[in-house]
All heavy atoms as atom14 arrays in JSON, in Angstrom:
{
  "sequence": "TRLRDRVAELSEGRAGWFTERVTGRHAGGRAFAADLTAIAVTGAAGT",
  "atom14_mask": [
    [1, 1, 1, 1, 1, 1, 1, 0, 0, 0, 0, 0, 0, 0],
    [1, 1, 1, 1, 1, 1, 1, 1, 1, 1, 1, 0, 0, 0],
    [1, 1, 1, 1, 1, 1, 1, 1, 0, 0, 0, 0, 0, 0],
    [1, 1, 1, 1, 1, 1, 1, 1, 1, 1, 1, 0, 0, 0],
    [1, 1, 1, 1, 1, 1, 1, 1, 0, 0, 0, 0, 0, 0],
    [1, 1, 1, 1, 1, 1, 1, 1, 1, 1, 1, 0, 0, 0],
    [1, 1, 1, 1, 1, 1, 1, 0, 0, 0, 0, 0, 0, 0],
    [1, 1, 1, 1, 1, 0, 0, 0, 0, 0, 0, 0, 0, 0],
    [1, 1, 1, 1, 1, 1, 1, 1, 1, 0, 0, 0, 0, 0],
    [1, 1, 1, 1, 1, 1, 1, 1, 0, 0, 0, 0, 0, 0],
    [1, 1, 1, 1, 1, 1, 0, 0, 0, 0, 0, 0, 0, 0],
    [1, 1, 1, 1, 1, 1, 1, 1, 1, 0, 0, 0, 0, 0],
    [1, 1, 1, 1, 0, 0, 0, 0, 0, 0, 0, 0, 0, 0],
    [1, 1, 1, 1, 1, 1, 1, 1, 1, 1, 1, 0, 0, 0],
    [1, 1, 1, 1, 1, 0, 0, 0, 0, 0, 0, 0, 0, 0],
    [1, 1, 1, 1, 0, 0, 0, 0, 0, 0, 0, 0, 0, 0],
    [1, 1, 1, 1, 1, 1, 1, 1, 1, 1, 1, 1, 1, 1],
    [1, 1, 1, 1, 1, 1, 1, 1, 1, 1, 1, 0, 0, 0],
    [1, 1, 1, 1, 1, 1, 1, 0, 0, 0, 0, 0, 0, 0],
    [1, 1, 1, 1, 1, 1, 1, 1, 1, 0, 0, 0, 0, 0],
    [1, 1, 1, 1, 1, 1, 1, 1, 1, 1, 1, 0, 0, 0],
    [1, 1, 1, 1, 1, 1, 1, 0, 0, 0, 0, 0, 0, 0],
    [1, 1, 1, 1, 1, 1, 1, 0, 0, 0, 0, 0, 0, 0],
    [1, 1, 1, 1, 0, 0, 0, 0, 0, 0, 0, 0, 0, 0],
    [1, 1, 1, 1, 1, 1, 1, 1, 1, 1, 1, 0, 0, 0],
    [1, 1, 1, 1, 1, 1, 1, 1, 1, 1, 0, 0, 0, 0],
    [1, 1, 1, 1, 1, 0, 0, 0, 0, 0, 0, 0, 0, 0],
    [1, 1, 1, 1, 0, 0, 0, 0, 0, 0, 0, 0, 0, 0],
    [1, 1, 1, 1, 0, 0, 0, 0, 0, 0, 0, 0, 0, 0],
    [1, 1, 1, 1, 1, 1, 1, 1, 1, 1, 1, 0, 0, 0],
    [1, 1, 1, 1, 1, 0, 0, 0, 0, 0, 0, 0, 0, 0],
    [1, 1, 1, 1, 1, 1, 1, 1, 1, 1, 1, 0, 0, 0],
    [1, 1, 1, 1, 1, 0, 0, 0, 0, 0, 0, 0, 0, 0],
    [1, 1, 1, 1, 1, 0, 0, 0, 0, 0, 0, 0, 0, 0],
    [1, 1, 1, 1, 1, 1, 1, 1, 0, 0, 0, 0, 0, 0],
    [1, 1, 1, 1, 1, 1, 1, 1, 0, 0, 0, 0, 0, 0],
    [1, 1, 1, 1, 1, 1, 1, 0, 0, 0, 0, 0, 0, 0],
    [1, 1, 1, 1, 1, 0, 0, 0, 0, 0, 0, 0, 0, 0],
    [1, 1, 1, 1, 1, 1, 1, 1, 0, 0, 0, 0, 0, 0],
    [1, 1, 1, 1, 1, 0, 0, 0, 0, 0, 0, 0, 0, 0],
    [1, 1, 1, 1, 1, 1, 1, 0, 0, 0, 0, 0, 0, 0],
    [1, 1, 1, 1, 1, 1, 1, 0, 0, 0, 0, 0, 0, 0],
    [1, 1, 1, 1, 0, 0, 0, 0, 0, 0, 0, 0, 0, 0],
    [1, 1, 1, 1, 1, 0, 0, 0, 0, 0, 0, 0, 0, 0],
    [1, 1, 1, 1, 1, 0, 0, 0, 0, 0, 0, 0, 0, 0],
    [1, 1, 1, 1, 0, 0, 0, 0, 0, 0, 0, 0, 0, 0],
    [1, 1, 1, 1, 1, 1, 1, 0, 0, 0, 0, 0, 0, 0]
  ],
  "atom14_positions": [
    [[0.82, -1.23, 0.0], [0.0, 0.0, 0.0], [0.84, 1.27, 0.0], [0.28, 2.37, 0.0], [-0.92, 0.03, 1.23], [-0.12, 0.01, 2.42], [-1.87, -1.17, 1.23], [0.0, 0.0, 0.0], [0.0, 0.0, 0.0], [0.0, 0.0, 0.0], [0.0, 0.0, 0.0], [0.0, 0.0, 0.0], [0.0, 0.0, 0.0], [0.0, 0.0, 0.0]],
    [[2.16, 1.15, 0.0], [3.03, 2.32, 0.15], [2.78, 3.37, -0.94], [2.55, 4.55, -0.65], [4.48, 1.9, 0.14], [5.49, 3.06, 0.27], [5.37, 3.75, 1.59], [6.4, 4.78, 1.73], [6.44, 5.62, 2.75], [5.53, 5.57, 3.7], [7.4, 6.53, 2.81], [0.0, 0.0, 0.0], [0.0, 0.0, 0.0], [0.0, 0.0, 0.0]],
    [[2.83, 2.95, -2.21], [2.63, 3.91, -3.29], [1.23, 4.5, -3.26], [1.04, 5.69, -3.5], [2.9, 3.25, -4.64], [4.36, 3.06, -5.05], [4.44, 2.39, -6.42], [5.1, 4.39, -5.07], [0.0, 0.0, 0.0], [0.0, 0.0, 0.0], [0.0, 0.0, 0.0], [0.0, 0.0, 0.0], [0.0, 0.0, 0.0], [0.0, 0.0, 0.0]],
    [[0.25, 3.66, -2.96], [-1.13, 4.16, -2.91], [-1.28, 5.23, -1.84], [-1.94, 6.25, -2.03], [-2.1, 3.0, -2.64], [-3.57, 3.36, -2.8], [-4.44, 2.13, -2.65], [-4.09, 1.12, -3.62], [-4.5, 1.11, -4.87], [-5.28, 2.09, -5.31], [-4.15, 0.14, -5.69], [0.0, 0.0, 0.0], [0.0, 0.0, 0.0], [0.0, 0.0, 0.0]],
    [[-0.64, 5.03, -0.69], [-0.72, 6.01, 0.39], [-0.04, 7.32, 0.0], [-0.55, 8.41, 0.28], [-0.06, 5.46, 1.66], [-0.85, 4.31, 2.27], [-2.03, 4.16, 1.92], [-0.27, 3.55, 3.07], [0.0, 0.0, 0.0], [0.0, 0.0, 0.0], [0.0, 0.0, 0.0], [0.0, 0.0, 0.0], [0.0, 0.0, 0.0], [0.0, 0.0, 0.0]],
    [[1.12, 7.21, -0.68], [1.83, 8.43, -1.08], [1.06, 9.19, -2.14], [1.02, 10.43, -2.13], [3.23, 8.09, -1.6], [4.17, 7.44, -0.6], [4.33, 8.25, 0.69], [4.77, 9.61, 0.49], [6.05, 9.99, 0.5], [7.01, 9.08, 0.66], [6.38, 11.25, 0.34], [0.0, 0.0, 0.0], [0.0, 0.0, 0.0], [0.0, 0.0, 0.0]],
    [[0.44, 8.47, -3.08], [-0.38, 9.13, -4.12], [-1.59, 9.79, -3.48], [-2.01, 10.88, -3.9], [-0.8, 8.11, -5.2], [-1.86, 8.71, -6.13], [0.41, 7.67, -6.01], [0.0, 0.0, 0.0], [0.0, 0.0, 0.0], [0.0, 0.0, 0.0], [0.0, 0.0, 0.0], [0.0, 0.0, 0.0], [0.0, 0.0, 0.0], [0.0, 0.0, 0.0]],
    [[-2.16, 9.16, -2.46], [-3.32, 9.75, -1.78], [-2.94, 11.09, -1.16], [-3.74, 12.03, -1.15], [-3.84, 8.8, -0.7], [0.0, 0.0, 0.0], [0.0, 0.0, 0.0], [0.0, 0.0, 0.0], [0.0, 0.0, 0.0], [0.0, 0.0, 0.0], [0.0, 0.0, 0.0], [0.0, 0.0, 0.0], [0.0, 0.0, 0.0], [0.0, 0.0, 0.0]],
    [[-1.71, 11.21, -0.65], [-1.25, 12.48, -0.09], [-1.26, 13.58, -1.15], [-1.66, 14.73, -0.87], [0.16, 12.32, 0.47], [0.25, 11.42, 1.69], [1.68, 11.25, 2.16], [2.6, 11.82, 1.5], [1.91, 10.56, 3.16], [0.0, 0.0, 0.0], [0.0, 0.0, 0.0], [0.0, 0.0, 0.0], [0.0, 0.0, 0.0], [0.0, 0.0, 0.0]],
    [[-0.86, 13.24, -2.36], [-0.86, 14.22, -3.44], [-2.28, 14.55, -3.88], [-2.63, 15.71, -4.09], [-0.07, 13.68, -4.64], [1.39, 13.3, -4.41], [2.05, 12.92, -5.73], [2.16, 14.43, -3.75], [0.0, 0.0, 0.0], [0.0, 0.0, 0.0], [0.0, 0.0, 0.0], [0.0, 0.0, 0.0], [0.0, 0.0, 0.0], [0.0, 0.0, 0.0]],
    [[-3.1, 13.52, -4.01], [-4.48, 13.71, -4.47], [-5.28, 14.6, -3.51], [-6.1, 15.4, -3.93], [-5.17, 12.35, -4.61], [-6.52, 12.49, -5.0], [0.0, 0.0, 0.0], [0.0, 0.0, 0.0], [0.0, 0.0, 0.0], [0.0, 0.0, 0.0], [0.0, 0.0, 0.0], [0.0, 0.0, 0.0], [0.0, 0.0, 0.0], [0.0, 0.0, 0.0]],
    [[-5.0, 14.45, -2.2], [-5.73, 15.21, -1.19], [-5.09, 16.54, -0.86], [-5.54, 17.26, 0.03], [-5.86, 14.35, 0.07], [-6.69, 13.09, -0.15], [-6.53, 12.08, 0.98], [-5.89, 12.44, 2.01], [-7.04, 10.96, 0.85], [0.0, 0.0, 0.0], [0.0, 0.0, 0.0], [0.0, 0.0, 0.0], [0.0, 0.0, 0.0], [0.0, 0.0, 0.0]],
    [[-4.0, 16.87, -1.56], [-3.36, 18.16, -1.35], [-2.5, 18.23, -0.11], [-2.1, 19.33, 0.32], [0.0, 0.0, 0.0], [0.0, 0.0, 0.0], [0.0, 0.0, 0.0], [0.0, 0.0, 0.0], [0.0, 0.0, 0.0], [0.0, 0.0, 0.0], [0.0, 0.0, 0.0], [0.0, 0.0, 0.0], [0.0, 0.0, 0.0], [0.0, 0.0, 0.0]],
    [[-2.17, 17.09, 0.5], [-1.35, 17.08, 1.7], [0.14, 17.14, 1.39], [0.97, 17.28, 2.29], [-1.67, 15.85, 2.54], [-3.06, 15.89, 3.16], [-3.33, 14.7, 4.06], [-3.64, 13.5, 3.31], [-3.0, 12.35, 3.43], [-1.97, 12.24, 4.25], [-3.36, 11.3, 2.71], [0.0, 0.0, 0.0], [0.0, 0.0, 0.0], [0.0, 0.0, 0.0]],
    [[0.48, 17.0, 0.12], [1.88, 17.09, -0.32], [1.88, 17.5, -1.78], [0.88, 17.33, -2.5], [2.61, 15.76, -0.14], [0.0, 0.0, 0.0], [0.0, 0.0, 0.0], [0.0, 0.0, 0.0], [0.0, 0.0, 0.0], [0.0, 0.0, 0.0], [0.0, 0.0, 0.0], [0.0, 0.0, 0.0], [0.0, 0.0, 0.0], [0.0, 0.0, 0.0]],
    [[2.98, 18.09, -2.24], [3.09, 18.5, -3.63], [3.89, 17.52, -4.47], [3.72, 17.45, -5.69], [0.0, 0.0, 0.0], [0.0, 0.0, 0.0], [0.0, 0.0, 0.0], [0.0, 0.0, 0.0], [0.0, 0.0, 0.0], [0.0, 0.0, 0.0], [0.0, 0.0, 0.0], [0.0, 0.0, 0.0], [0.0, 0.0, 0.0], [0.0, 0.0, 0.0]],
    [[4.75, 16.73, -3.8], [5.56, 15.75, -4.51], [6.16, 14.78, -3.51], [6.13, 15.03, -2.3], [6.69, 16.44, -5.29], [7.68, 17.15, -4.4], [7.55, 18.39, -3.84], [8.95, 16.65, -3.96], [8.65, 18.7, -3.08], [9.53, 17.65, -3.12], [9.65, 15.47, -4.18], [10.77, 17.49, -2.52], [10.89, 15.3, -3.57], [11.45, 16.31, -2.76]],
    [[6.65, 13.66, -3.98], [7.38, 12.73, -3.13], [8.38, 11.96, -3.98], [8.26, 11.88, -5.21], [6.45, 11.76, -2.4], [5.76, 10.74, -3.3], [6.42, 9.61, -3.78], [4.42, 10.91, -3.65], [5.79, 8.68, -4.59], [3.78, 9.99, -4.46], [4.46, 8.87, -4.93], [0.0, 0.0, 0.0], [0.0, 0.0, 0.0], [0.0, 0.0, 0.0]],
    [[9.38, 11.4, -3.33], [10.34, 10.51, -3.98], [10.43, 9.23, -3.17], [10.54, 9.27, -1.95], [11.74, 11.16, -4.08], [11.66, 12.32, -4.92], [12.75, 10.19, -4.69], [0.0, 0.0, 0.0], [0.0, 0.0, 0.0], [0.0, 0.0, 0.0], [0.0, 0.0, 0.0], [0.0, 0.0, 0.0], [0.0, 0.0, 0.0], [0.0, 0.0, 0.0]],
    [[10.35, 8.09, -3.85], [10.42, 6.78, -3.21], [11.41, 5.89, -3.96], [11.5, 5.94, -5.19], [9.05, 6.1, -3.21], [8.07, 6.61, -2.19], [8.37, 6.11, -0.79], [9.14, 5.12, -0.66], [7.85, 6.69, 0.17], [0.0, 0.0, 0.0], [0.0, 0.0, 0.0], [0.0, 0.0, 0.0], [0.0, 0.0, 0.0], [0.0, 0.0, 0.0]],
    [[12.15, 5.09, -3.22], [12.97, 4.04, -3.84], [12.04, 2.87, -4.18], [11.31, 2.37, -3.33], [14.06, 3.58, -2.87], [14.98, 2.49, -3.39], [15.81, 2.93, -4.59], [16.51, 4.18, -4.4], [17.7, 4.29, -3.8], [18.32, 3.22, -3.31], [18.29, 5.47, -3.7], [0.0, 0.0, 0.0], [0.0, 0.0, 0.0], [0.0, 0.0, 0.0]],
    [[12.03, 2.47, -5.43], [11.09, 1.45, -5.9], [11.83, 0.33, -6.62], [13.0, 0.46, -7.0], [10.03, 2.05, -6.85], [9.16, 3.07, -6.12], [10.69, 2.69, -8.07], [0.0, 0.0, 0.0], [0.0, 0.0, 0.0], [0.0, 0.0, 0.0], [0.0, 0.0, 0.0], [0.0, 0.0, 0.0], [0.0, 0.0, 0.0], [0.0, 0.0, 0.0]],
    [[11.12, -0.76, -6.81], [11.62, -1.88, -7.6], [10.62, -2.14, -8.72], [9.41, -2.25, -8.48], [11.76, -3.16, -6.76], [12.67, -2.91, -5.68], [12.29, -4.31, -7.6], [0.0, 0.0, 0.0], [0.0, 0.0, 0.0], [0.0, 0.0, 0.0], [0.0, 0.0, 0.0], [0.0, 0.0, 0.0], [0.0, 0.0, 0.0], [0.0, 0.0, 0.0]],
    [[11.1, -2.17, -9.95], [10.25, -2.45, -11.1], [10.64, -3.77, -11.72], [11.71, -4.32, -11.43], [0.0, 0.0, 0.0], [0.0, 0.0, 0.0], [0.0, 0.0, 0.0], [0.0, 0.0, 0.0], [0.0, 0.0, 0.0], [0.0, 0.0, 0.0], [0.0, 0.0, 0.0], [0.0, 0.0, 0.0], [0.0, 0.0, 0.0], [0.0, 0.0, 0.0]],
    [[9.78, -4.28, -12.57], [10.07, -5.55, -13.21], [9.79, -5.46, -14.71], [8.72, -5.05, -15.12], [9.25, -6.69, -12.59], [9.64, -8.07, -13.11], [8.98, -9.16, -12.28], [9.55, -9.25, -10.95], [10.62, -9.96, -10.65], [11.26, -10.63, -11.6], [11.05, -10.03, -9.42], [0.0, 0.0, 0.0], [0.0, 0.0, 0.0], [0.0, 0.0, 0.0]],
    [[10.8, -5.84, -15.47], [10.67, -5.91, -16.92], [9.77, -7.09, -17.28], [9.7, -8.07, -16.54], [12.06, -6.09, -17.54], [12.12, -5.98, -19.02], [11.79, -7.02, -19.86], [12.47, -4.95, -19.83], [11.95, -6.64, -21.1], [12.35, -5.39, -21.12], [0.0, 0.0, 0.0], [0.0, 0.0, 0.0], [0.0, 0.0, 0.0], [0.0, 0.0, 0.0]],
    [[9.06, -6.99, -18.4], [8.17, -8.08, -18.82], [8.93, -9.39, -18.98], [8.35, -10.48, -18.86], [7.48, -7.71, -20.13], [0.0, 0.0, 0.0], [0.0, 0.0, 0.0], [0.0, 0.0, 0.0], [0.0, 0.0, 0.0], [0.0, 0.0, 0.0], [0.0, 0.0, 0.0], [0.0, 0.0, 0.0], [0.0, 0.0, 0.0], [0.0, 0.0, 0.0]],
    [[10.23, -9.31, -19.23], [11.04, -10.51, -19.37], [11.43, -11.12, -18.04], [12.07, -12.18, -18.01], [0.0, 0.0, 0.0], [0.0, 0.0, 0.0], [0.0, 0.0, 0.0], [0.0, 0.0, 0.0], [0.0, 0.0, 0.0], [0.0, 0.0, 0.0], [0.0, 0.0, 0.0], [0.0, 0.0, 0.0], [0.0, 0.0, 0.0], [0.0, 0.0, 0.0]],
    [[11.04, -10.49, -16.93], [11.32, -11.04, -15.61], [12.44, -10.37, -14.86], [12.61, -10.58, -13.67], [0.0, 0.0, 0.0], [0.0, 0.0, 0.0], [0.0, 0.0, 0.0], [0.0, 0.0, 0.0], [0.0, 0.0, 0.0], [0.0, 0.0, 0.0], [0.0, 0.0, 0.0], [0.0, 0.0, 0.0], [0.0, 0.0, 0.0], [0.0, 0.0, 0.0]],
    [[13.26, -9.54, -15.54], [14.37, -8.87, -14.86], [13.83, -7.76, -13.95], [12.89, -7.07, -14.3], [15.34, -8.28, -15.88], [15.95, -9.3, -16.82], [17.05, -8.66, -17.67], [16.6, -7.49, -18.39], [15.96, -7.53, -19.56], [15.7, -8.68, -20.13], [15.6, -6.4, -20.16], [0.0, 0.0, 0.0], [0.0, 0.0, 0.0], [0.0, 0.0, 0.0]],
    [[14.46, -7.6, -12.8], [14.04, -6.56, -11.86], [15.07, -5.45, -11.84], [16.26, -5.68, -12.08], [13.86, -7.15, -10.47], [0.0, 0.0, 0.0], [0.0, 0.0, 0.0], [0.0, 0.0, 0.0], [0.0, 0.0, 0.0], [0.0, 0.0, 0.0], [0.0, 0.0, 0.0], [0.0, 0.0, 0.0], [0.0, 0.0, 0.0], [0.0, 0.0, 0.0]],
    [[14.62, -4.23, -11.58], [15.53, -3.11, -11.49], [15.11, -2.18, -10.36], [13.93, -2.1, -10.0], [15.58, -2.32, -12.82], [14.28, -1.69, -13.21], [13.96, -0.39, -12.83], [13.35, -2.38, -13.99], [12.76, 0.2, -13.2], [12.14, -1.8, -14.36], [11.85, -0.51, -13.97], [0.0, 0.0, 0.0], [0.0, 0.0, 0.0], [0.0, 0.0, 0.0]],
    [[16.09, -1.52, -9.77], [15.82, -0.52, -8.73], [15.79, 0.85, -9.37], [16.44, 1.1, -10.39], [16.89, -0.59, -7.65], [0.0, 0.0, 0.0], [0.0, 0.0, 0.0], [0.0, 0.0, 0.0], [0.0, 0.0, 0.0], [0.0, 0.0, 0.0], [0.0, 0.0, 0.0], [0.0, 0.0, 0.0], [0.0, 0.0, 0.0], [0.0, 0.0, 0.0]],
    [[15.04, 1.76, -8.77], [14.94, 3.11, -9.31], [14.43, 4.06, -8.23], [13.85, 3.62, -7.23], [13.99, 3.14, -10.51], [0.0, 0.0, 0.0], [0.0, 0.0, 0.0], [0.0, 0.0, 0.0], [0.0, 0.0, 0.0], [0.0, 0.0, 0.0], [0.0, 0.0, 0.0], [0.0, 0.0, 0.0], [0.0, 0.0, 0.0], [0.0, 0.0, 0.0]],
    [[14.69, 5.34, -8.44], [14.07, 6.38, -7.62], [12.9, 6.94, -8.42], [13.07, 7.36, -9.57], [15.07, 7.49, -7.3], [16.1, 7.07, -6.27], [15.77, 6.2, -5.44], [17.22, 7.59, -6.3], [0.0, 0.0, 0.0], [0.0, 0.0, 0.0], [0.0, 0.0, 0.0], [0.0, 0.0, 0.0], [0.0, 0.0, 0.0], [0.0, 0.0, 0.0]],
    [[11.73, 6.94, -7.82], [10.53, 7.47, -8.46], [10.13, 8.77, -7.78], [9.91, 8.81, -6.57], [9.38, 6.48, -8.36], [8.03, 6.99, -8.88], [8.04, 7.06, -10.41], [6.88, 6.11, -8.39], [0.0, 0.0, 0.0], [0.0, 0.0, 0.0], [0.0, 0.0, 0.0], [0.0, 0.0, 0.0], [0.0, 0.0, 0.0], [0.0, 0.0, 0.0]],
    [[10.05, 9.84, -8.56], [9.52, 11.11, -8.07], [8.17, 11.35, -8.72], [8.04, 11.26, -9.94], [10.47, 12.28, -8.4], [11.72, 12.09, -7.72], [9.87, 13.61, -7.96], [0.0, 0.0, 0.0], [0.0, 0.0, 0.0], [0.0, 0.0, 0.0], [0.0, 0.0, 0.0], [0.0, 0.0, 0.0], [0.0, 0.0, 0.0], [0.0, 0.0, 0.0]],
    [[7.16, 11.61, -7.91], [5.82, 11.91, -8.4], [5.47, 13.34, -8.01], [5.63, 13.74, -6.85], [4.8, 10.95, -7.8], [0.0, 0.0, 0.0], [0.0, 0.0, 0.0], [0.0, 0.0, 0.0], [0.0, 0.0, 0.0], [0.0, 0.0, 0.0], [0.0, 0.0, 0.0], [0.0, 0.0, 0.0], [0.0, 0.0, 0.0], [0.0, 0.0, 0.0]],
    [[5.02, 14.13, -8.98], [4.72, 15.54, -8.79], [3.25, 15.78, -9.1], [2.76, 15.37, -10.16], [5.59, 16.42, -9.7], [7.08, 16.09, -9.51], [5.34, 17.9, -9.43], [7.98, 16.71, -10.57], [0.0, 0.0, 0.0], [0.0, 0.0, 0.0], [0.0, 0.0, 0.0], [0.0, 0.0, 0.0], [0.0, 0.0, 0.0], [0.0, 0.0, 0.0]],
    [[2.55, 16.43, -8.19], [1.14, 16.71, -8.39], [0.95, 17.74, -9.51], [1.67, 18.74, -9.57], [0.51, 17.23, -7.1], [0.0, 0.0, 0.0], [0.0, 0.0, 0.0], [0.0, 0.0, 0.0], [0.0, 0.0, 0.0], [0.0, 0.0, 0.0], [0.0, 0.0, 0.0], [0.0, 0.0, 0.0], [0.0, 0.0, 0.0], [0.0, 0.0, 0.0]],
    [[0.0, 17.5, -10.38], [-0.38, 18.43, -11.44], [-1.77, 18.94, -11.09], [-2.7, 18.15, -10.92], [-0.4, 17.74, -12.82], [-0.86, 18.72, -13.9], [0.98, 17.19, -13.15], [0.0, 0.0, 0.0], [0.0, 0.0, 0.0], [0.0, 0.0, 0.0], [0.0, 0.0, 0.0], [0.0, 0.0, 0.0], [0.0, 0.0, 0.0], [0.0, 0.0, 0.0]],
    [[-1.92, 20.25, -10.94], [-3.19, 20.8, -10.48], [-3.88, 21.61, -11.56], [-3.24, 22.18, -12.45], [-2.98, 21.7, -9.24], [-2.11, 22.78, -9.58], [-2.37, 20.9, -8.1], [0.0, 0.0, 0.0], [0.0, 0.0, 0.0], [0.0, 0.0, 0.0], [0.0, 0.0, 0.0], [0.0, 0.0, 0.0], [0.0, 0.0, 0.0], [0.0, 0.0, 0.0]],
    [[-5.18, 21.65, -11.46], [-6.0, 22.45, -12.36], [-7.01, 23.24, -11.54], [-6.9, 23.33, -10.32], [0.0, 0.0, 0.0], [0.0, 0.0, 0.0], [0.0, 0.0, 0.0], [0.0, 0.0, 0.0], [0.0, 0.0, 0.0], [0.0, 0.0, 0.0], [0.0, 0.0, 0.0], [0.0, 0.0, 0.0], [0.0, 0.0, 0.0], [0.0, 0.0, 0.0]],
    [[-8.02, 23.75, -12.19], [-9.02, 24.56, -11.5], [-9.77, 23.78, -10.43], [-10.19, 24.33, -9.41], [-10.01, 25.14, -12.52], [0.0, 0.0, 0.0], [0.0, 0.0, 0.0], [0.0, 0.0, 0.0], [0.0, 0.0, 0.0], [0.0, 0.0, 0.0], [0.0, 0.0, 0.0], [0.0, 0.0, 0.0], [0.0, 0.0, 0.0], [0.0, 0.0, 0.0]],
    [[-9.92, 22.47, -10.65], [-10.69, 21.64, -9.71], [-9.8, 20.94, -8.69], [-10.26, 20.09, -7.95], [-11.51, 20.61, -10.49], [0.0, 0.0, 0.0], [0.0, 0.0, 0.0], [0.0, 0.0, 0.0], [0.0, 0.0, 0.0], [0.0, 0.0, 0.0], [0.0, 0.0, 0.0], [0.0, 0.0, 0.0], [0.0, 0.0, 0.0], [0.0, 0.0, 0.0]],
    [[-8.51, 21.28, -8.66], [-7.6, 20.63, -7.71], [-6.62, 19.72, -8.42], [-6.32, 19.92, -9.61], [0.0, 0.0, 0.0], [0.0, 0.0, 0.0], [0.0, 0.0, 0.0], [0.0, 0.0, 0.0], [0.0, 0.0, 0.0], [0.0, 0.0, 0.0], [0.0, 0.0, 0.0], [0.0, 0.0, 0.0], [0.0, 0.0, 0.0], [0.0, 0.0, 0.0]],
    [[-6.12, 18.71, -7.72], [-5.13, 17.81, -8.3], [-5.74, 17.03, -9.46], [-6.77, 16.37, -9.31], [-4.6, 16.83, -7.24], [-4.07, 17.58, -6.15], [-3.52, 15.94, -7.81], [0.0, 0.0, 0.0], [0.0, 0.0, 0.0], [0.0, 0.0, 0.0], [0.0, 0.0, 0.0], [0.0, 0.0, 0.0], [0.0, 0.0, 0.0], [0.0, 0.0, 0.0]]
  ]
}
């Protein structure tokens, strides 16, 4: 639930961005580490 919780912070306006160390997986099965930064994009109705 980690990513979902961090995205909820952006969606609810409790944060403007976050960075998390993540693990991704290639369709071929290989795994890779990465830093993911998510930045809120806002409009007239909010995030």
